[in-house]
Amino acid sequence: MTSERTYHHGDLRRAVLGAALDAIEQAGPDALSLRDLARRAGVSHAAPSHHFKDRTGLLTAVAAEGFGLFADALAQAPDLQERGVAYVRFAAGHPAHFQVMFRPELLRTDDPGLLAAKERATDELRAGVGGLPGAARGEDARLAGIAAWSLAHGFATLLLSGNLEDPVGGRDPGEVFRGLAGLLFDRSADPRPPTTPESS
């Protein structure tokens, strides 16, 4: 828990965001309280409202920050499979952000900062899908993207909810996902049976 301290004006917003991330990681976003955050951050009760107006505004700021960090992580990955690894590692490294980002009912979904950060992340995901063989053949790239997203997001969600403790153990979850994705992609890269001399 953050100790009581006096923050300079420029640090207040970051202090409240940091306290919010701690609280979300401990109890989830639904239990978030502005009054509790002020106590955690060691600021006045009015400070969270001054910077974020209300709980929805605060969660929107958390999500916008999360999508920005998420886009940065995805941009470092060279292909779709590695974007999946980055997706899982982002969730493991930023569990509080991840819990809020995909909960539109908690957010001010028309917030310009949120929309811009979300668009950046979406563009990075689409860039990975564009390299798929199916997309090159003119197939529905959007469905391919949904399939890839479902795999990475499902793995990340199961990981954060504690449902993969046995298969993951103490290993890097990104490496576990890379192996899983490689297994599936290798088998699904070309659904046609191999050509044999008899069939050619």
C-alpha atoms as a PDB file:
ATOM      1  CA  MET A   1       0.000   0.000   0.000  1.00  0.00           C
ATOM      2  CA  THR A   2       1.252   3.478  -0.830  1.00  0.00           C
ATOM      3  CA  SER A   3       2.334   5.403   2.266  1.00  0.00           C
ATOM      4  CA  GLU A   4       0.839   8.780   3.106  1.00  0.00           C
ATOM      5  CA  ARG A   5       2.835  11.536   1.406  1.00  0.00           C
ATOM      6  CA  THR A   6       2.474  14.937  -0.193  1.00  0.00           C
ATOM      7  CA  TYR A   7       2.576  14.955  -3.999  1.00  0.00           C
ATOM      8  CA  HIS A   8       3.434  17.849  -6.229  1.00  0.00           C
ATOM      9  CA  HIS A   9       0.537  18.849  -8.463  1.00  0.00           C
ATOM     10  CA  GLY A  10       2.093  17.235 -11.531  1.00  0.00           C
ATOM     11  CA  ASP A  11       2.367  13.872  -9.749  1.00  0.00           C
ATOM     12  CA  LEU A  12      -1.230  13.634  -8.563  1.00  0.00           C
ATOM     13  CA  ARG A  13      -2.638  12.084 -11.719  1.00  0.00           C
ATOM     14  CA  ARG A  14       0.113   9.449 -11.862  1.00  0.00           C
ATOM     15  CA  ALA A  15      -0.262   8.738  -8.146  1.00  0.00           C
ATOM     16  CA  VAL A  16      -4.001   8.071  -8.506  1.00  0.00           C
ATOM     17  CA  LEU A  17      -3.467   5.934 -11.617  1.00  0.00           C
ATOM     18  CA  GLY A  18      -0.817   3.913  -9.816  1.00  0.00           C
ATOM     19  CA  ALA A  19      -3.101   3.383  -6.839  1.00  0.00           C
ATOM     20  CA  ALA A  20      -5.902   2.345  -9.198  1.00  0.00           C
ATOM     21  CA  LEU A  21      -3.682  -0.251 -10.882  1.00  0.00           C
ATOM     22  CA  ASP A  22      -2.718  -1.683  -7.481  1.00  0.00           C
ATOM     23  CA  ALA A  23      -6.356  -1.853  -6.386  1.00  0.00           C
ATOM     24  CA  ILE A  24      -7.529  -3.461  -9.648  1.00  0.00           C
ATOM     25  CA  GLU A  25      -4.797  -6.071  -9.503  1.00  0.00           C
ATOM     26  CA  GLN A  26      -5.804  -6.953  -5.952  1.00  0.00           C
ATOM     27  CA  ALA A  27      -9.601  -6.911  -6.180  1.00  0.00           C
ATOM     28  CA  GLY A  28     -10.621  -6.283  -9.794  1.00  0.00           C
ATOM     29  CA  PRO A  29     -12.082  -3.162 -11.400  1.00  0.00           C
ATOM     30  CA  ASP A  30     -15.590  -3.656 -10.040  1.00  0.00           C
ATOM     31  CA  ALA A  31     -14.412  -2.995  -6.485  1.00  0.00           C
ATOM     32  CA  LEU A  32     -12.705   0.284  -7.367  1.00  0.00           C
ATOM     33  CA  SER A  33     -13.593   3.253  -5.148  1.00  0.00           C
ATOM     34  CA  LEU A  34     -12.322   6.819  -5.621  1.00  0.00           C
ATOM     35  CA  ARG A  35     -12.299   7.408  -1.876  1.00  0.00           C
ATOM     36  CA  ASP A  36     -10.197   4.295  -1.313  1.00  0.00           C
ATOM     37  CA  LEU A  37      -7.834   5.354  -4.105  1.00  0.00           C
ATOM     38  CA  ALA A  38      -7.299   8.746  -2.503  1.00  0.00           C
ATOM     39  CA  ARG A  39      -6.381   6.995   0.734  1.00  0.00           C
ATOM     40  CA  ARG A  40      -4.037   4.575  -1.038  1.00  0.00           C
ATOM     41  CA  ALA A  41      -2.311   7.376  -2.953  1.00  0.00           C
ATOM     42  CA  GLY A  42      -2.074   9.630   0.092  1.00  0.00           C
ATOM     43  CA  VAL A  43      -3.940  12.481  -1.609  1.00  0.00           C
ATOM     44  CA  SER A  44      -7.059  14.462  -0.755  1.00  0.00           C
ATOM     45  CA  HIS A  45     -10.479  12.909  -1.347  1.00  0.00           C
ATOM     46  CA  ALA A  46     -11.083  15.443  -4.095  1.00  0.00           C
ATOM     47  CA  ALA A  47      -7.907  14.634  -6.063  1.00  0.00           C
ATOM     48  CA  PRO A  48      -9.237  11.650  -8.059  1.00  0.00           C
ATOM     49  CA  SER A  49     -12.369  13.557  -9.060  1.00  0.00           C
ATOM     50  CA  HIS A  50     -10.319  16.605 -10.001  1.00  0.00           C
ATOM     51  CA  HIS A  51      -8.236  14.646 -12.504  1.00  0.00           C
ATOM     52  CA  PHE A  52     -10.726  12.030 -13.732  1.00  0.00           C
ATOM     53  CA  LYS A  53     -14.168  13.454 -12.828  1.00  0.00           C
ATOM     54  CA  ASP A  54     -15.558  10.069 -11.794  1.00  0.00           C
ATOM     55  CA  ARG A  55     -14.857   6.342 -11.579  1.00  0.00           C
ATOM     56  CA  THR A  56     -15.667   5.829 -15.265  1.00  0.00           C
ATOM     57  CA  GLY A  57     -13.193   8.535 -16.230  1.00  0.00           C
ATOM     58  CA  LEU A  58     -10.484   6.909 -14.139  1.00  0.00           C
ATOM     59  CA  LEU A  59     -11.074   3.470 -15.643  1.00  0.00           C
ATOM     60  CA  THR A  60     -11.093   5.031 -19.109  1.00  0.00           C
ATOM     61  CA  ALA A  61      -7.667   6.541 -18.406  1.00  0.00           C
ATOM     62  CA  VAL A  62      -6.422   3.136 -17.228  1.00  0.00           C
ATOM     63  CA  ALA A  63      -7.709   1.511 -20.432  1.00  0.00           C
ATOM     64  CA  ALA A  64      -6.232   4.215 -22.663  1.00  0.00           C
ATOM     65  CA  GLU A  65      -2.846   3.846 -21.015  1.00  0.00           C
ATOM     66  CA  GLY A  66      -3.157   0.069 -21.367  1.00  0.00           C
ATOM     67  CA  PHE A  67      -3.952   0.179 -25.078  1.00  0.00           C
ATOM     68  CA  GLY A  68      -0.998   2.501 -25.646  1.00  0.00           C
ATOM     69  CA  LEU A  69       1.378   0.122 -23.871  1.00  0.00           C
ATOM     70  CA  PHE A  70      -0.245  -2.787 -25.691  1.00  0.00           C
ATOM     71  CA  ALA A  71       0.303  -1.162 -29.097  1.00  0.00           C
ATOM     72  CA  ASP A  72       3.961  -0.533 -28.227  1.00  0.00           C
ATOM     73  CA  ALA A  73       4.410  -4.204 -27.287  1.00  0.00           C
ATOM     74  CA  LEU A  74       2.740  -5.467 -30.461  1.00  0.00           C
ATOM     75  CA  ALA A  75       4.808  -3.142 -32.645  1.00  0.00           C
ATOM     76  CA  GLN A  76       7.989  -4.937 -31.546  1.00  0.00           C
ATOM     77  CA  ALA A  77       6.736  -8.321 -32.837  1.00  0.00           C
ATOM     78  CA  PRO A  78       7.717  -9.284 -36.386  1.00  0.00           C
ATOM     79  CA  ASP A  79       4.784 -11.542 -37.301  1.00  0.00           C
ATOM     80  CA  LEU A  80       1.367 -12.740 -36.145  1.00  0.00           C
ATOM     81  CA  GLN A  81       2.651 -15.575 -33.979  1.00  0.00           C
ATOM     82  CA  GLU A  82       5.042 -13.262 -32.164  1.00  0.00           C
ATOM     83  CA  ARG A  83       2.248 -10.720 -31.752  1.00  0.00           C
ATOM     84  CA  GLY A  84       0.365 -13.471 -29.960  1.00  0.00           C
ATOM     85  CA  VAL A  85       3.356 -14.005 -27.680  1.00  0.00           C
ATOM     86  CA  ALA A  86       3.522 -10.247 -27.055  1.00  0.00           C
ATOM     87  CA  TYR A  87      -0.224 -10.267 -26.333  1.00  0.00           C
ATOM     88  CA  VAL A  88       0.166 -12.932 -23.647  1.00  0.00           C
ATOM     89  CA  ARG A  89       3.239 -11.308 -22.121  1.00  0.00           C
ATOM     90  CA  PHE A  90       1.466  -7.959 -22.010  1.00  0.00           C
ATOM     91  CA  ALA A  91      -1.453  -9.499 -20.117  1.00  0.00           C
ATOM     92  CA  ALA A  92       0.915 -11.218 -17.670  1.00  0.00           C
ATOM     93  CA  GLY A  93       2.941  -8.036 -17.144  1.00  0.00           C
ATOM     94  CA  HIS A  94      -0.003  -5.612 -16.977  1.00  0.00           C
ATOM     95  CA  PRO A  95      -2.878  -7.584 -15.425  1.00  0.00           C
ATOM     96  CA  ALA A  96      -4.725  -4.528 -14.109  1.00  0.00           C
ATOM     97  CA  HIS A  97      -4.710  -2.781 -17.478  1.00  0.00           C
ATOM     98  CA  PHE A  98      -5.777  -5.982 -19.203  1.00  0.00           C
ATOM     99  CA  GLN A  99      -8.754  -6.473 -16.878  1.00  0.00           C
ATOM    100  CA  VAL A 100     -10.106  -3.027 -17.775  1.00  0.00           C
ATOM    101  CA  MET A 101      -9.256  -2.672 -21.470  1.00  0.00           C
ATOM    102  CA  PHE A 102     -11.829  -5.161 -22.720  1.00  0.00           C
ATOM    103  CA  ARG A 103     -14.695  -4.095 -20.426  1.00  0.00           C
ATOM    104  CA  PRO A 104     -16.532  -1.416 -22.481  1.00  0.00           C
ATOM    105  CA  GLU A 105     -19.350  -1.237 -19.943  1.00  0.00           C
ATOM    106  CA  LEU A 106     -16.863   0.273 -17.479  1.00  0.00           C
ATOM    107  CA  LEU A 107     -15.493   2.887 -19.873  1.00  0.00           C
ATOM    108  CA  ARG A 108     -16.329   6.143 -21.584  1.00  0.00           C
ATOM    109  CA  THR A 109     -16.052   4.531 -25.007  1.00  0.00           C
ATOM    110  CA  ASP A 110     -16.165   7.814 -26.960  1.00  0.00           C
ATOM    111  CA  ASP A 111     -13.163   9.264 -25.108  1.00  0.00           C
ATOM    112  CA  PRO A 112     -10.680  10.590 -27.738  1.00  0.00           C
ATOM    113  CA  GLY A 113      -7.612   9.335 -25.884  1.00  0.00           C
ATOM    114  CA  LEU A 114      -9.078   5.859 -25.531  1.00  0.00           C
ATOM    115  CA  LEU A 115     -10.166   5.752 -29.168  1.00  0.00           C
ATOM    116  CA  ALA A 116      -6.726   6.806 -30.421  1.00  0.00           C
ATOM    117  CA  ALA A 117      -4.866   4.265 -28.277  1.00  0.00           C
ATOM    118  CA  LYS A 118      -7.297   1.497 -29.188  1.00  0.00           C
ATOM    119  CA  GLU A 119      -6.926   2.292 -32.890  1.00  0.00           C
ATOM    120  CA  ARG A 120      -3.143   2.027 -32.619  1.00  0.00           C
ATOM    121  CA  ALA A 121      -3.414  -1.403 -31.007  1.00  0.00           C
ATOM    122  CA  THR A 122      -5.974  -2.560 -33.574  1.00  0.00           C
ATOM    123  CA  ASP A 123      -3.714  -1.435 -36.417  1.00  0.00           C
ATOM    124  CA  GLU A 124      -0.849  -3.471 -34.976  1.00  0.00           C
ATOM    125  CA  LEU A 125      -3.037  -6.565 -34.722  1.00  0.00           C
ATOM    126  CA  ARG A 126      -4.271  -6.105 -38.288  1.00  0.00           C
ATOM    127  CA  ALA A 127      -0.705  -5.740 -39.536  1.00  0.00           C
ATOM    128  CA  GLY A 128       0.040  -9.223 -38.236  1.00  0.00           C
ATOM    129  CA  VAL A 129      -3.065 -10.723 -39.812  1.00  0.00           C
ATOM    130  CA  GLY A 130      -2.140  -9.186 -43.163  1.00  0.00           C
ATOM    131  CA  GLY A 131       0.790 -11.588 -43.396  1.00  0.00           C
ATOM    132  CA  LEU A 132      -1.337 -14.726 -43.146  1.00  0.00           C
ATOM    133  CA  PRO A 133      -1.510 -17.000 -46.210  1.00  0.00           C
ATOM    134  CA  GLY A 134      -5.309 -16.847 -46.088  1.00  0.00           C
ATOM    135  CA  ALA A 135      -5.256 -13.071 -46.319  1.00  0.00           C
ATOM    136  CA  ALA A 136      -2.929 -13.261 -49.327  1.00  0.00           C
ATOM    137  CA  ARG A 137      -5.378 -15.600 -51.081  1.00  0.00           C
ATOM    138  CA  GLY A 138      -8.148 -13.053 -50.666  1.00  0.00           C
ATOM    139  CA  GLU A 139      -9.970 -14.982 -47.928  1.00  0.00           C
ATOM    140  CA  ASP A 140     -11.763 -13.230 -45.122  1.00  0.00           C
ATOM    141  CA  ALA A 141      -8.874 -11.620 -43.253  1.00  0.00           C
ATOM    142  CA  ARG A 142     -11.256 -10.275 -40.629  1.00  0.00           C
ATOM    143  CA  LEU A 143     -12.288 -13.793 -39.605  1.00  0.00           C
ATOM    144  CA  ALA A 144      -8.644 -14.854 -39.554  1.00  0.00           C
ATOM    145  CA  GLY A 145      -7.954 -11.940 -37.264  1.00  0.00           C
ATOM    146  CA  ILE A 146     -10.796 -12.910 -34.949  1.00  0.00           C
ATOM    147  CA  ALA A 147      -9.477 -16.471 -34.794  1.00  0.00           C
ATOM    148  CA  ALA A 148      -5.963 -15.288 -33.918  1.00  0.00           C
ATOM    149  CA  TRP A 149      -7.308 -12.786 -31.384  1.00  0.00           C
ATOM    150  CA  SER A 150      -9.491 -15.452 -29.777  1.00  0.00           C
ATOM    151  CA  LEU A 151      -6.521 -17.767 -29.324  1.00  0.00           C
ATOM    152  CA  ALA A 152      -4.265 -15.146 -27.723  1.00  0.00           C
ATOM    153  CA  HIS A 153      -7.001 -13.464 -25.695  1.00  0.00           C
ATOM    154  CA  GLY A 154      -8.405 -16.772 -24.491  1.00  0.00           C
ATOM    155  CA  PHE A 155      -4.985 -17.960 -23.364  1.00  0.00           C
ATOM    156  CA  ALA A 156      -4.279 -14.643 -21.619  1.00  0.00           C
ATOM    157  CA  THR A 157      -7.657 -14.632 -19.876  1.00  0.00           C
ATOM    158  CA  LEU A 158      -7.263 -18.220 -18.669  1.00  0.00           C
ATOM    159  CA  LEU A 159      -3.769 -17.365 -17.482  1.00  0.00           C
ATOM    160  CA  LEU A 160      -4.870 -14.352 -15.425  1.00  0.00           C
ATOM    161  CA  SER A 161      -7.812 -16.217 -13.902  1.00  0.00           C
ATOM    162  CA  GLY A 162      -5.474 -18.925 -12.593  1.00  0.00           C
ATOM    163  CA  ASN A 163      -6.730 -21.679 -14.870  1.00  0.00           C
ATOM    164  CA  LEU A 164      -3.355 -22.444 -16.477  1.00  0.00           C
ATOM    165  CA  GLU A 165      -1.260 -22.900 -13.361  1.00  0.00           C
ATOM    166  CA  ASP A 166      -0.695 -26.596 -14.023  1.00  0.00           C
ATOM    167  CA  PRO A 167       0.284 -26.488 -17.732  1.00  0.00           C
ATOM    168  CA  VAL A 168       2.267 -23.246 -17.432  1.00  0.00           C
ATOM    169  CA  GLY A 169       3.812 -23.837 -14.020  1.00  0.00           C
ATOM    170  CA  GLY A 170       6.832 -21.617 -13.483  1.00  0.00           C
ATOM    171  CA  ARG A 171       7.554 -21.229 -17.191  1.00  0.00           C
ATOM    172  CA  ASP A 172       7.325 -18.028 -19.207  1.00  0.00           C
ATOM    173  CA  PRO A 173       3.694 -17.918 -20.400  1.00  0.00           C
ATOM    174  CA  GLY A 174       4.813 -16.293 -23.645  1.00  0.00           C
ATOM    175  CA  GLU A 175       7.038 -19.284 -24.406  1.00  0.00           C
ATOM    176  CA  VAL A 176       4.205 -21.692 -23.590  1.00  0.00           C
ATOM    177  CA  PHE A 177       1.922 -19.784 -25.934  1.00  0.00           C
ATOM    178  CA  ARG A 178       4.584 -19.739 -28.661  1.00  0.00           C
ATOM    179  CA  GLY A 179       4.764 -23.537 -28.504  1.00  0.00           C
ATOM    180  CA  LEU A 180       0.990 -23.868 -28.570  1.00  0.00           C
ATOM    181  CA  ALA A 181       0.574 -21.458 -31.459  1.00  0.00           C
ATOM    182  CA  GLY A 182       3.426 -23.069 -33.386  1.00  0.00           C
ATOM    183  CA  LEU A 183       1.825 -26.472 -33.008  1.00  0.00           C
ATOM    184  CA  LEU A 184      -1.531 -25.220 -34.283  1.00  0.00           C
ATOM    185  CA  PHE A 185      -0.114 -23.036 -37.065  1.00  0.00           C
ATOM    186  CA  ASP A 186       2.204 -25.784 -38.317  1.00  0.00           C
ATOM    187  CA  ARG A 187      -0.709 -28.160 -38.634  1.00  0.00           C
ATOM    188  CA  SER A 188      -3.067 -25.650 -40.179  1.00  0.00           C
ATOM    189  CA  ALA A 189      -0.683 -23.831 -42.510  1.00  0.00           C
ATOM    190  CA  ASP A 190      -1.930 -25.851 -45.506  1.00  0.00           C
ATOM    191  CA  PRO A 191      -5.094 -27.949 -44.998  1.00  0.00           C
ATOM    192  CA  ARG A 192      -4.436 -29.943 -48.201  1.00  0.00           C
ATOM    193  CA  PRO A 193      -2.777 -33.377 -47.882  1.00  0.00           C
ATOM    194  CA  PRO A 194       0.797 -33.545 -49.151  1.00  0.00           C
ATOM    195  CA  THR A 195       1.247 -34.471 -52.798  1.00  0.00           C
ATOM    196  CA  THR A 196       2.701 -37.928 -53.408  1.00  0.00           C
ATOM    197  CA  PRO A 197       4.134 -39.347 -56.627  1.00  0.00           C
ATOM    198  CA  GLU A 198       1.045 -41.541 -56.984  1.00  0.00           C
ATOM    199  CA  SER A 199      -1.343 -38.575 -56.710  1.00  0.00           C
ATOM    200  CA  SER A 200       0.601 -36.130 -58.902  1.00  0.00           C
END
